[in-house]
Structures are given as C-alpha cells and as structure tokens.
Amino acid sequence: MEYEELLKKVRKIEIKTRGLSNNIFAGEYHSAFKGRGMAFSEVREYQYGDDVRDIDWNVTARFNKPYVKVFEEERELTVMLLVDVSGSLDFGTQMQTKREMATEIAATLAFSAIQNNDKIGVIFFSDRIEKFIPPKKGRKHILFIIRELLDFQPASNRTDIGMAIEYMTNAIKKRCTVFLLSDFFDHQDYTSQLTIANRRHDVIAVQVYDQRMTELPNVGIVKMHDAETDEDILVDTSSKAVRRAHHEWWIQYQGWLKTVFTKSNVDSVSVRTDEDYVKALLNLFKRRA
C-alpha cells in the first residue's frame, strides 16, 4: 500500500472508530472490563465488620491499636489484541472482507482502551507469530497499531490458533484482557490452550464471518480458492444437496465452536461482515457489565 494512501486510510479509520469509542463505548467498556486487581490505597483504624486479614500489623504495633489496609480496584488494564492474519481473512462477498472488519473492530477496541488510560498491545498470528507489539499507552502507539493492522503482510497463509494463544499466555505475565479476533477456521482443537489462557487472563473471542459461509448461492459451477492451502476446487452450487451439505457443515462447525468457548469459559461474539459490529460489541459489553 502506498504511504499516502495508507495515511488516508489510517485517518479515516481513526475518525470513525475514535468517534464510536468516545460516544458509544466509553461507559460500557469501563463497566465490562474493570480492572481485576486490587491496589493498596491507605490505612485506617479497624472498624467492626472489617476483615481481620486486612489488618496491618506493623501500623497496629506502632499505634497500639488495630489498623486495616484499605484497597481500591485497579482501574488500569492491559489489553491485548490477538489478531488472525491468515489467508482466509481476505475473503469477503459483501461490503468488506473479514480482514477489513477485524481491523475496524480492533481499532475501535484500541481507542476504547486508551479512553480508559489502558495499555494496549497486539499479536499478529497465522500458523506462527507474525509480529508482537508490546503493550503501551497513547495515541501515537494506537496509530502505529492501526497502520500495522491495515498494511501488515503475513509470511504464512495458514492458521494455528492454539499456538498463538499459548504464546500470548507465556509472553504476557500480568493479568490482562485479551480480544481474540479471527474467523476461527482452524482444523486443530485449541480448547486446552484457551482454558489455560482464560485462567490467567480474561479472554474474549470475536468471530468475524461472511454470509457466504452460512449458505451458498445458486450460481452454477464455481471455482473456489482456498487461500490457506492455495488449492482450487470446482463446486456445483446449483445442486441442492451441495448447498444443504454446506449449510449443515456451517451449523455443525458453529456448534463445535460454541462448545469450545463454553468449555474454556470464554465470552464470545460473532459478527457478520455485512452487519453492524457496534451493536454486537455493545451487546457483549452489556452481558459482561
């Protein structure tokens, strides 16, 4: 992508997504992704009903009467975007590709994070870790992330979600909120990696998909290209049996995905490329608030 064209796209996506995070998401994001830790604030005299485990014995000994530590919720979060950049994300038959929608969602979440004074980082993955941007604060950092989201060229077209989750779990030691953005087309089971990651962190799965994955249109014989394996196949979409089999595969796959998220206790949301992702994200936030 030419530099001038890239800057225009960055600016356009900043205006749209920053407006959304400022006007719509600010309050919902705050309540949905509160800081999970507790930070020491001050000491005060013990009062009836206080937890004896909070007694500060050093201060108590000094003043010869009981004092307790007062804690307050840590508001600052670390947010990680775990973004699938494999070949299947380049597919799109509606208003935009899956990759374009994933980029917008990621940018909106990034701006929502800095509204809350949170750090944000990104891991781009395919069947390998393509790039790791460590968590930082600030608008400059956000714009760098958006530029990378728009212009990043992966070395591989394939997908390995389990590997990416495991890498993130090992790389980020402090508890953080993780948004896993993908179409989740992976032939391997990553339930155990997701379960382990969600015990240490707070993982939210965001599935981006195209309408044509749910049902095939009747347009005769079509050559379909698999962006991940680089294989071409001919599909007779005029066959009712073929269209039915494809639709049944989709329902089964979604059922399997739901089971994975339920087993690993991960919140999830699915967004179609021709639908409003704002509504989907707001519903997710409200469920978590």
Protein backbone atom coordinates (compact mmCIF):
# COMPACT_ATOMS: atom_id res chain seq x y z
CA MET A 1 0.00 0.00 0.00
CA GLU A 2 1.36 3.45 -0.95
CA TYR A 3 2.30 5.61 2.06
CA GLU A 4 -0.13 8.47 1.18
CA GLU A 5 -2.98 6.01 0.64
CA LEU A 6 -2.13 4.30 3.92
CA LEU A 7 -2.20 7.62 5.83
CA LYS A 8 -5.63 8.41 4.36
CA LYS A 9 -6.94 5.01 5.45
CA VAL A 10 -5.44 5.41 8.93
CA ARG A 11 -7.09 8.84 9.28
CA LYS A 12 -10.45 7.56 8.02
CA ILE A 13 -10.45 4.60 10.40
CA GLU A 14 -9.31 6.82 13.29
CA ILE A 15 -12.19 9.27 12.77
CA LYS A 16 -14.79 6.50 12.58
CA THR A 17 -13.55 4.25 15.36
CA ARG A 18 -12.46 7.00 17.75
CA GLY A 19 -15.91 8.57 17.49
CA LEU A 20 -17.50 5.22 18.32
CA SER A 21 -15.27 4.61 21.32
CA ASN A 22 -15.75 8.18 22.62
CA ASN A 23 -19.51 8.41 22.18
CA ILE A 24 -20.78 4.86 22.50
CA PHE A 25 -18.32 2.52 24.10
CA ALA A 26 -16.75 4.63 26.84
CA GLY A 27 -19.21 3.82 29.65
CA GLU A 28 -19.97 0.26 28.54
CA TYR A 29 -16.28 -0.58 28.12
CA HIS A 30 -15.47 0.78 31.61
CA SER A 31 -18.06 -1.41 33.31
CA ALA A 32 -17.44 -4.51 31.16
CA PHE A 33 -13.66 -4.59 31.56
CA LYS A 34 -12.98 -3.25 35.03
CA GLY A 35 -9.53 -3.67 36.50
CA ARG A 36 -9.49 -7.10 38.13
CA GLY A 37 -6.71 -6.46 40.66
CA MET A 38 -6.79 -4.58 43.96
CA ALA A 39 -4.26 -1.85 44.74
CA PHE A 40 -3.28 -0.70 48.27
CA SER A 41 -4.69 2.77 48.96
CA GLU A 42 -4.28 3.72 52.66
CA VAL A 43 -4.62 2.54 56.25
CA ARG A 44 -7.36 3.46 58.71
CA GLU A 45 -8.48 2.39 62.17
CA TYR A 46 -10.17 -1.00 62.41
CA GLN A 47 -13.98 -0.87 62.43
CA TYR A 48 -16.44 -3.56 63.46
CA GLY A 49 -17.06 -5.87 60.48
CA ASP A 50 -13.65 -5.32 58.81
CA ASP A 51 -11.86 -8.43 57.56
CA VAL A 52 -9.15 -9.33 60.11
CA ARG A 53 -6.97 -10.49 57.19
CA ASP A 54 -6.65 -6.81 56.17
CA ILE A 55 -5.06 -5.78 59.48
CA ASP A 56 -1.72 -4.02 59.00
CA TRP A 57 0.27 -5.49 61.89
CA ASN A 58 3.19 -3.06 61.56
CA VAL A 59 0.97 0.03 61.90
CA THR A 60 -1.11 -1.71 64.59
CA ALA A 61 2.03 -2.36 66.67
CA ARG A 62 3.24 1.23 66.22
CA PHE A 63 -0.01 2.87 67.43
CA ASN A 64 -1.02 0.10 69.83
CA LYS A 65 -4.50 -0.23 68.31
CA PRO A 66 -5.70 -2.11 65.21
CA TYR A 67 -5.41 -0.56 61.76
CA VAL A 68 -6.52 -2.12 58.45
CA LYS A 69 -5.24 -1.72 54.91
CA VAL A 70 -7.77 -0.16 52.51
CA PHE A 71 -7.69 -1.39 48.94
CA GLU A 72 -9.25 0.05 45.81
CA GLU A 73 -9.87 -1.56 42.47
CA GLU A 74 -7.09 -1.11 39.93
CA ARG A 75 -8.75 0.69 37.03
CA GLU A 76 -5.85 0.45 34.64
CA LEU A 77 -5.90 -2.59 32.37
CA THR A 78 -3.55 -4.15 29.91
CA VAL A 79 -5.44 -5.04 26.73
CA MET A 80 -4.02 -7.46 24.15
CA LEU A 81 -5.42 -7.82 20.64
CA LEU A 82 -4.68 -11.30 19.29
CA VAL A 83 -5.33 -10.82 15.57
CA ASP A 84 -5.57 -13.60 12.98
CA VAL A 85 -3.84 -12.52 9.74
CA SER A 86 -4.10 -15.86 7.89
CA GLY A 87 -5.27 -16.10 4.27
CA SER A 88 -8.91 -16.94 4.98
CA LEU A 89 -9.47 -13.44 6.42
CA ASP A 90 -9.05 -11.93 2.93
CA PHE A 91 -12.41 -13.43 1.90
CA GLY A 92 -15.44 -11.18 1.54
CA THR A 93 -18.53 -11.15 -0.69
CA GLN A 94 -20.44 -8.33 1.00
CA MET A 95 -19.46 -4.77 1.94
CA GLN A 96 -15.95 -5.65 3.14
CA THR A 97 -13.56 -8.52 3.73
CA LYS A 98 -13.25 -10.28 7.07
CA ARG A 99 -9.81 -8.70 7.50
CA GLU A 100 -11.21 -5.17 6.98
CA MET A 101 -13.92 -5.73 9.56
CA ALA A 102 -11.47 -7.28 12.04
CA THR A 103 -9.24 -4.21 11.58
CA GLU A 104 -12.11 -1.82 12.35
CA ILE A 105 -13.13 -3.80 15.43
CA ALA A 106 -9.53 -3.91 16.65
CA ALA A 107 -9.12 -0.15 16.12
CA THR A 108 -12.37 0.58 17.99
CA LEU A 109 -11.28 -1.58 20.92
CA ALA A 110 -7.86 0.11 20.89
CA PHE A 111 -9.38 3.60 21.12
CA SER A 112 -11.77 2.41 23.84
CA ALA A 113 -8.76 1.14 25.78
CA ILE A 114 -6.84 4.43 25.68
CA GLN A 115 -10.03 6.30 26.67
CA ASN A 116 -9.71 4.29 29.88
CA ASN A 117 -5.97 5.03 30.14
CA ASP A 118 -5.16 1.36 29.49
CA LYS A 119 -2.10 -0.11 27.85
CA ILE A 120 -2.70 -1.95 24.58
CA GLY A 121 -0.60 -4.40 22.61
CA VAL A 122 -1.07 -6.63 19.55
CA ILE A 123 -0.01 -10.10 18.46
CA PHE A 124 -0.46 -10.86 14.75
CA PHE A 125 -0.58 -14.59 14.06
CA SER A 126 -1.06 -17.12 11.26
CA ASP A 127 0.40 -20.58 11.93
CA ARG A 128 3.30 -18.69 13.52
CA ILE A 129 3.73 -15.47 15.49
CA GLU A 130 3.99 -12.88 12.73
CA LYS A 131 4.54 -9.81 14.92
CA PHE A 132 4.39 -8.85 18.59
CA ILE A 133 3.76 -5.21 19.56
CA PRO A 134 4.23 -4.89 23.35
CA PRO A 135 1.52 -3.05 25.34
CA LYS A 136 1.91 0.73 25.65
CA LYS A 137 -0.29 3.78 26.14
CA GLY A 138 -1.05 6.79 23.98
CA ARG A 139 -2.48 7.96 20.67
CA LYS A 140 0.84 7.63 18.83
CA HIS A 141 1.02 3.95 19.80
CA ILE A 142 -2.62 3.40 18.72
CA LEU A 143 -1.97 4.95 15.28
CA PHE A 144 1.09 2.73 14.87
CA ILE A 145 -1.10 -0.30 15.65
CA ILE A 146 -3.75 0.79 13.13
CA ARG A 147 -1.11 1.30 10.43
CA GLU A 148 0.13 -2.22 11.10
CA LEU A 149 -3.42 -3.62 11.04
CA LEU A 150 -4.03 -2.01 7.64
CA ASP A 151 -0.72 -2.75 5.98
CA PHE A 152 0.65 -5.92 7.60
CA GLN A 153 1.69 -8.68 5.17
CA PRO A 154 1.95 -12.11 6.84
CA ALA A 155 4.67 -14.60 5.94
CA SER A 156 2.18 -17.51 6.07
CA ASN A 157 -1.43 -18.02 4.98
CA ARG A 158 -2.22 -20.85 7.39
CA THR A 159 -3.75 -20.76 10.89
CA ASP A 160 -2.73 -22.12 14.29
CA ILE A 161 -4.91 -20.55 16.99
CA GLY A 162 -3.67 -22.82 19.80
CA MET A 163 -0.05 -21.81 19.18
CA ALA A 164 -0.97 -18.10 19.23
CA ILE A 165 -2.93 -18.40 22.49
CA GLU A 166 -0.08 -20.34 24.14
CA TYR A 167 2.45 -17.71 23.03
CA MET A 168 0.32 -14.89 24.45
CA THR A 169 -0.14 -16.74 27.76
CA ASN A 170 3.63 -17.13 28.14
CA ALA A 171 4.55 -13.65 26.83
CA ILE A 172 2.16 -11.58 28.99
CA LYS A 173 2.75 -12.31 32.67
CA LYS A 174 0.44 -9.68 34.22
CA ARG A 175 -3.28 -10.43 34.01
CA CYS A 176 -4.82 -8.71 31.00
CA THR A 177 -7.95 -8.55 28.85
CA VAL A 178 -7.43 -10.41 25.57
CA PHE A 179 -9.55 -9.96 22.44
CA LEU A 180 -9.02 -12.89 20.08
CA LEU A 181 -10.14 -11.74 16.60
CA SER A 182 -10.43 -14.50 14.00
CA ASP A 183 -12.77 -16.38 11.68
CA PHE A 184 -11.72 -19.45 13.73
CA PHE A 185 -11.09 -21.64 10.70
CA ASP A 186 -8.56 -23.99 12.20
CA HIS A 187 -8.58 -27.78 11.88
CA GLN A 188 -6.98 -28.27 15.31
CA ASP A 189 -8.58 -28.29 18.74
CA TYR A 190 -7.35 -25.39 20.89
CA THR A 191 -9.71 -25.86 23.87
CA SER A 192 -6.93 -26.64 26.37
CA GLN A 193 -4.80 -23.60 25.35
CA LEU A 194 -7.87 -21.37 25.58
CA THR A 195 -8.82 -22.77 29.01
CA ILE A 196 -5.30 -22.20 30.41
CA ALA A 197 -5.15 -18.67 28.92
CA ASN A 198 -8.54 -17.74 30.39
CA ARG A 199 -7.49 -18.86 33.87
CA ARG A 200 -4.60 -16.39 33.82
CA HIS A 201 -6.22 -13.68 31.70
CA ASP A 202 -9.70 -12.52 30.66
CA VAL A 203 -10.18 -13.81 27.11
CA ILE A 204 -12.97 -12.67 24.76
CA ALA A 205 -13.40 -14.35 21.35
CA VAL A 206 -14.60 -12.18 18.45
CA GLN A 207 -15.58 -14.23 15.39
CA VAL A 208 -15.77 -12.43 12.04
CA TYR A 209 -17.54 -14.31 9.23
CA ASP A 210 -19.06 -13.82 5.77
CA GLN A 211 -22.65 -14.55 4.80
CA ARG A 212 -21.50 -16.98 2.10
CA MET A 213 -20.02 -19.22 4.79
CA THR A 214 -23.54 -19.84 6.13
CA GLU A 215 -25.16 -20.62 2.78
CA LEU A 216 -24.09 -20.94 -0.85
CA PRO A 217 -25.99 -19.04 -3.55
CA ASN A 218 -27.32 -20.96 -6.58
CA VAL A 219 -24.92 -19.65 -9.26
CA GLY A 220 -23.94 -22.85 -11.07
CA ILE A 221 -20.43 -24.32 -11.14
CA VAL A 222 -17.97 -22.09 -9.28
CA LYS A 223 -14.21 -22.35 -8.85
CA MET A 224 -13.36 -21.80 -5.20
CA HIS A 225 -9.89 -20.95 -3.97
CA ASP A 226 -8.62 -21.92 -0.51
CA ALA A 227 -6.37 -19.02 0.49
CA GLU A 228 -4.69 -21.08 3.22
CA THR A 229 -3.80 -24.19 1.19
CA ASP A 230 -3.65 -22.42 -2.21
CA GLU A 231 -5.89 -25.14 -3.70
CA ASP A 232 -8.72 -24.65 -6.22
CA ILE A 233 -11.86 -26.79 -6.30
CA LEU A 234 -14.96 -26.77 -8.52
CA VAL A 235 -18.28 -26.64 -6.65
CA ASP A 236 -21.69 -27.18 -8.26
CA THR A 237 -23.79 -24.64 -6.35
CA SER A 238 -26.88 -25.48 -8.44
CA SER A 239 -27.09 -28.79 -6.53
CA LYS A 240 -29.50 -28.63 -3.60
CA ALA A 241 -27.59 -31.45 -1.91
CA VAL A 242 -24.31 -29.48 -2.12
CA ARG A 243 -25.93 -26.32 -0.74
CA ARG A 244 -27.62 -28.29 2.05
CA ALA A 245 -24.37 -30.10 2.96
CA HIS A 246 -22.53 -26.78 3.13
CA HIS A 247 -25.19 -25.23 5.37
CA GLU A 248 -25.18 -28.30 7.66
CA TRP A 249 -21.36 -28.12 7.88
CA TRP A 250 -21.62 -24.49 8.98
CA ILE A 251 -24.19 -25.27 11.70
CA GLN A 252 -22.04 -28.16 13.00
CA TYR A 253 -18.92 -26.00 12.97
CA GLN A 254 -20.64 -23.20 14.89
CA GLY A 255 -21.93 -25.77 17.38
CA TRP A 256 -18.37 -27.10 17.89
CA LEU A 257 -17.05 -23.54 18.32
CA LYS A 258 -19.71 -22.75 20.92
CA THR A 259 -18.72 -25.91 22.83
CA VAL A 260 -15.05 -24.83 22.79
CA PHE A 261 -15.91 -21.40 24.22
CA THR A 262 -18.27 -22.88 26.84
CA LYS A 263 -15.70 -25.47 28.00
CA SER A 264 -12.98 -22.85 28.30
CA ASN A 265 -15.39 -20.36 29.96
CA VAL A 266 -14.64 -17.71 27.31
CA ASP A 267 -17.15 -14.98 26.38
CA SER A 268 -17.70 -14.72 22.63
CA VAL A 269 -19.43 -12.68 19.96
CA SER A 270 -19.95 -13.36 16.23
CA VAL A 271 -20.10 -10.55 13.68
CA ARG A 272 -21.04 -10.91 10.00
CA THR A 273 -19.20 -8.67 7.52
CA ASP A 274 -22.44 -7.04 6.31
CA GLU A 275 -23.77 -6.44 9.83
CA ASP A 276 -23.22 -3.67 12.38
CA TYR A 277 -20.37 -4.71 14.68
CA VAL A 278 -21.18 -1.81 17.04
CA LYS A 279 -24.45 -3.44 18.08
CA ALA A 280 -22.75 -6.83 18.55
CA LEU A 281 -19.97 -5.37 20.72
CA LEU A 282 -22.39 -3.32 22.82
CA ASN A 283 -24.44 -6.47 23.50
CA LEU A 284 -21.24 -8.26 24.55
CA PHE A 285 -20.30 -5.38 26.88
CA LYS A 286 -23.76 -5.32 28.46
CA ARG A 287 -23.66 -9.08 29.09
CA ARG A 288 -20.39 -8.63 30.98
CA ALA A 289 -21.26 -5.46 32.91
